[in-house]
């Protein structure tokens, strides 16, 4: 299953991290990159990262989630998603479509 992970850094926490330990951001990014994401996008207007992963379940990315939580002091948003080609079968299975 594919997952979208949205990481947002609070401005105050982001300023603290940038001042005290900027290498933590690189360590967090490397932890996510180790999972070979489908895509990893960095916002140019805010402190946000969007990551698209293909994994059996959230257990596969517990370590980067935990590392992110320690740095950002908040849990990233995680959404399971399906592509357009998978949606009809999933919708039928859950009873949304006949």
Protein backbone atom coordinates (compact mmCIF):
# COMPACT_ATOMS: atom_id res chain seq x y z
CA UNK A 1 0.00 0.00 0.00
CA UNK A 2 1.13 3.53 -0.61
CA UNK A 3 1.33 6.13 2.14
CA UNK A 4 1.68 9.88 2.13
CA UNK A 5 3.61 11.26 5.10
CA UNK A 6 3.38 15.00 5.76
CA UNK A 7 5.97 16.45 8.12
CA UNK A 8 5.58 20.05 9.23
CA UNK A 9 8.05 21.80 11.48
CA UNK A 10 6.57 24.36 13.85
CA UNK A 11 8.39 27.71 13.27
CA UNK A 12 9.61 27.92 16.88
CA UNK A 13 10.81 24.33 16.96
CA UNK A 14 12.35 24.76 13.50
CA UNK A 15 14.30 27.80 14.69
CA UNK A 16 15.52 25.84 17.75
CA UNK A 17 16.64 22.90 15.61
CA UNK A 18 18.38 25.17 13.09
CA UNK A 19 20.20 26.97 15.90
CA UNK A 20 21.09 24.04 18.17
CA UNK A 21 21.44 20.97 15.94
CA UNK A 22 20.89 21.52 12.21
CA UNK A 23 22.37 18.09 11.43
CA UNK A 24 19.21 16.52 12.92
CA UNK A 25 17.22 17.64 9.88
CA UNK A 26 19.71 15.83 7.61
CA UNK A 27 19.59 12.73 9.84
CA UNK A 28 15.78 12.71 9.69
CA UNK A 29 15.85 13.12 5.90
CA UNK A 30 18.35 10.27 5.56
CA UNK A 31 16.14 8.00 7.70
CA UNK A 32 13.25 8.56 5.27
CA UNK A 33 15.51 8.20 2.21
CA UNK A 34 16.66 4.79 3.49
CA UNK A 35 13.14 3.52 2.76
CA UNK A 36 13.53 4.36 -0.95
CA UNK A 37 10.45 6.58 -1.16
CA UNK A 38 8.54 6.95 -4.41
CA UNK A 39 8.82 10.69 -3.95
CA UNK A 40 10.10 13.19 -1.41
CA UNK A 41 9.13 16.84 -1.77
CA UNK A 42 10.36 19.81 0.23
CA UNK A 43 8.19 22.91 0.49
CA UNK A 44 9.88 26.12 -0.61
CA UNK A 45 7.45 28.33 1.32
CA UNK A 46 7.25 26.55 4.68
CA UNK A 47 9.08 24.00 6.79
CA UNK A 48 7.31 20.96 5.35
CA UNK A 49 8.25 17.67 3.74
CA UNK A 50 5.88 15.38 1.85
CA UNK A 51 6.99 11.77 1.41
CA UNK A 52 5.30 9.08 -0.67
CA UNK A 53 6.13 5.52 0.36
CA UNK A 54 5.16 2.02 -0.72
CA UNK A 55 5.05 -0.28 2.32
CA UNK A 56 3.06 -3.21 3.69
CA UNK A 57 2.00 -1.14 6.72
CA UNK A 58 3.17 1.66 9.00
CA UNK A 59 5.43 -0.73 10.93
CA UNK A 60 7.84 -0.56 7.99
CA UNK A 61 8.60 3.08 8.74
CA UNK A 62 8.39 3.17 12.54
CA UNK A 63 12.04 4.22 12.95
CA UNK A 64 11.85 7.34 10.72
CA UNK A 65 8.48 8.25 12.28
CA UNK A 66 10.03 8.05 15.74
CA UNK A 67 13.11 10.05 14.70
CA UNK A 68 10.83 12.68 13.15
CA UNK A 69 8.74 12.87 16.32
CA UNK A 70 11.85 13.37 18.45
CA UNK A 71 13.06 16.24 16.24
CA UNK A 72 9.77 17.98 15.41
CA UNK A 73 8.08 17.20 18.74
CA UNK A 74 4.94 16.20 16.83
CA UNK A 75 3.76 13.11 14.99
CA UNK A 76 3.69 13.44 11.19
CA UNK A 77 0.38 13.05 9.37
CA UNK A 78 0.21 9.65 7.66
CA UNK A 79 -2.44 8.78 5.07
CA UNK A 80 -2.82 5.44 3.32
CA UNK A 81 -3.69 6.12 -0.35
CA UNK A 82 -4.35 4.18 -3.54
CA UNK A 83 -3.68 5.10 -7.14
CA UNK A 84 -6.39 5.55 -9.76
CA UNK A 85 -5.75 2.03 -11.07
CA UNK A 86 -6.28 0.51 -7.59
CA UNK A 87 -9.25 2.64 -6.51
CA UNK A 88 -12.13 0.72 -8.21
CA UNK A 89 -11.12 -2.60 -6.65
CA UNK A 90 -10.67 -1.04 -3.20
CA UNK A 91 -13.97 0.86 -3.50
CA UNK A 92 -15.81 -2.37 -4.37
CA UNK A 93 -14.16 -4.23 -1.49
CA UNK A 94 -15.29 -1.64 1.08
CA UNK A 95 -18.76 -1.33 -0.47
CA UNK A 96 -18.53 2.20 -1.91
CA UNK A 97 -19.07 1.01 -5.50
CA UNK A 98 -21.20 -1.88 -6.79
